[in-house]
Amino acid sequence: MIDYEELIKSLILPLVAYPKDVEIVRLNDDEDNLEYQVKVNPADFGRVIGKGGIIAKAIRTVLYAGASKEGKRIHLDIESK
């Protein structure tokens, strides 16, 4: 079983300048439909989203691939604090 919180952390922490400000919160308890919210420092928001959202899309693609392999769905919300 994939630890999605650790996977999200491993994908986002290398991108940010303020790793201590990163918060990852699981928003629901449904095992088949996972929903996570990531909050980053406002200075790091652009780094995590990327130009045109390309980095955020790549992060979500990795998460979707892992979740679909386990028969689950996942949603990732990225926000600044």
Protein backbone atom coordinates (compact mmCIF):
# COMPACT_ATOMS: atom_id res chain seq x y z
CA MET A 1 0.00 0.00 0.00
CA ILE A 2 1.27 3.46 -0.92
CA ASP A 3 1.77 6.07 1.80
CA TYR A 4 0.38 9.02 -0.16
CA GLU A 5 1.37 11.58 2.44
CA GLU A 6 5.03 10.51 2.17
CA LEU A 7 4.80 10.43 -1.62
CA ILE A 8 3.42 13.97 -1.72
CA LYS A 9 6.13 15.10 0.69
CA SER A 10 8.87 13.53 -1.43
CA LEU A 11 7.56 15.27 -4.55
CA ILE A 12 7.05 18.74 -3.04
CA LEU A 13 9.85 19.23 -0.50
CA PRO A 14 12.67 19.35 -3.10
CA LEU A 15 10.85 22.20 -4.87
CA VAL A 16 10.39 24.58 -1.94
CA ALA A 17 12.72 27.03 -0.22
CA TYR A 18 10.78 26.83 3.06
CA PRO A 19 10.24 23.11 3.74
CA LYS A 20 9.17 23.71 7.35
CA ASP A 21 6.13 25.65 6.09
CA VAL A 22 4.76 22.71 4.06
CA GLU A 23 1.58 21.22 5.54
CA ILE A 24 -0.10 18.12 4.15
CA VAL A 25 -3.63 17.44 5.38
CA ARG A 26 -5.87 14.52 4.50
CA LEU A 27 -9.38 15.90 4.10
CA ASN A 28 -11.50 12.72 4.16
CA ASP A 29 -11.54 9.22 5.64
CA ASP A 30 -12.84 7.40 2.57
CA GLU A 31 -10.32 4.71 1.61
CA ASP A 32 -11.27 4.68 -2.10
CA ASN A 33 -11.48 8.44 -2.71
CA LEU A 34 -8.51 10.19 -1.17
CA GLU A 35 -8.34 13.96 -0.87
CA TYR A 36 -5.25 15.85 0.25
CA GLN A 37 -4.56 19.53 0.74
CA VAL A 38 -1.02 20.91 0.60
CA LYS A 39 -0.27 24.34 2.02
CA VAL A 40 3.03 26.00 1.16
CA ASN A 41 4.68 29.32 1.95
CA PRO A 42 3.42 32.03 -0.46
CA ALA A 43 7.01 32.48 -1.69
CA ASP A 44 7.06 28.80 -2.75
CA PHE A 45 3.63 28.69 -4.37
CA GLY A 46 4.92 29.53 -7.85
CA ARG A 47 7.66 26.90 -7.58
CA VAL A 48 5.18 24.17 -6.71
CA ILE A 49 2.62 25.16 -9.34
CA GLY A 50 5.11 25.91 -12.11
CA LYS A 51 4.63 27.96 -15.25
CA GLY A 52 1.19 27.24 -16.58
CA GLY A 53 0.63 24.68 -13.82
CA ILE A 54 2.98 22.17 -15.41
CA ILE A 55 4.69 21.07 -12.17
CA ALA A 56 1.40 20.69 -10.29
CA LYS A 57 0.06 18.64 -13.20
CA ALA A 58 3.12 16.37 -13.11
CA ILE A 59 2.75 15.86 -9.35
CA ARG A 60 -0.91 14.98 -9.76
CA THR A 61 -0.09 12.57 -12.61
CA VAL A 62 2.30 10.63 -10.37
CA LEU A 63 -0.31 10.49 -7.60
CA TYR A 64 -3.09 9.43 -10.01
CA ALA A 65 -0.90 6.63 -11.38
CA GLY A 66 -0.19 5.25 -7.92
CA ALA A 67 -3.79 5.52 -6.82
CA SER A 68 -5.21 3.91 -9.95
CA LYS A 69 -2.83 1.00 -9.51
CA GLU A 70 -4.55 0.37 -6.16
CA GLY A 71 -8.05 0.98 -7.53
CA LYS A 72 -8.39 4.33 -5.76
CA ARG A 73 -8.98 7.94 -6.77
CA ILE A 74 -6.99 10.85 -5.41
CA HIS A 75 -7.44 14.61 -5.46
CA LEU A 76 -4.66 17.06 -4.56
CA ASP A 77 -5.31 20.69 -3.70
CA ILE A 78 -2.31 23.04 -3.53
CA GLU A 79 -2.68 26.34 -1.68
CA SER A 80 -0.49 29.04 -0.16
CA LYS A 81 -0.79 29.86 3.53
